[in-house]
Amino acid sequence: MMRVSGLSDRALSLRLDGSISNNRVRDLRLGLKAPVRLSEFLAICDVCHADPVTTLKRIIDRANQIREEQTTTPATPSIDPTALADMDPDTLADLIAADPDAYDIAALRDPNKDLERETPRD
């Protein structure tokens, strides 16, 4: 909304009669520091000629969409792949056993994995 208004941070701050500082406007625009306060949100909506209720509904819809995408996207392992090469094999095996779906391992997709599991080792 602030981007669409076409106002610079300074111009927006001036239109807000100094109720929100130039630095705070910048932080809000960039998503830094604390989230927007209700009073700031309402003041910015007023200056940008945006309906606060409609804007808030759009924000909530977008948040729900992001949450849904995160729940449908499988988690990736939090281990740096380059660190896996230097890792102790037993530790690596334990990590994979704890969450095999988080790792892309060809053996997990092998159609003969059950037969190979039963094959005696020499």
Foldseek 3Di string as FASTA:
>chain_A
DVVVLVDQLCRLCVLLVNPADSVRSVCQVVVHDDHDDPVRLVSSCVSSVHDSVVVVVVVVVVVVVVVVVVVVDDDADPDDVVVVVVDDPVVVVVVCVVPVVNDDDVLVVDPCNVVVVPDDDD
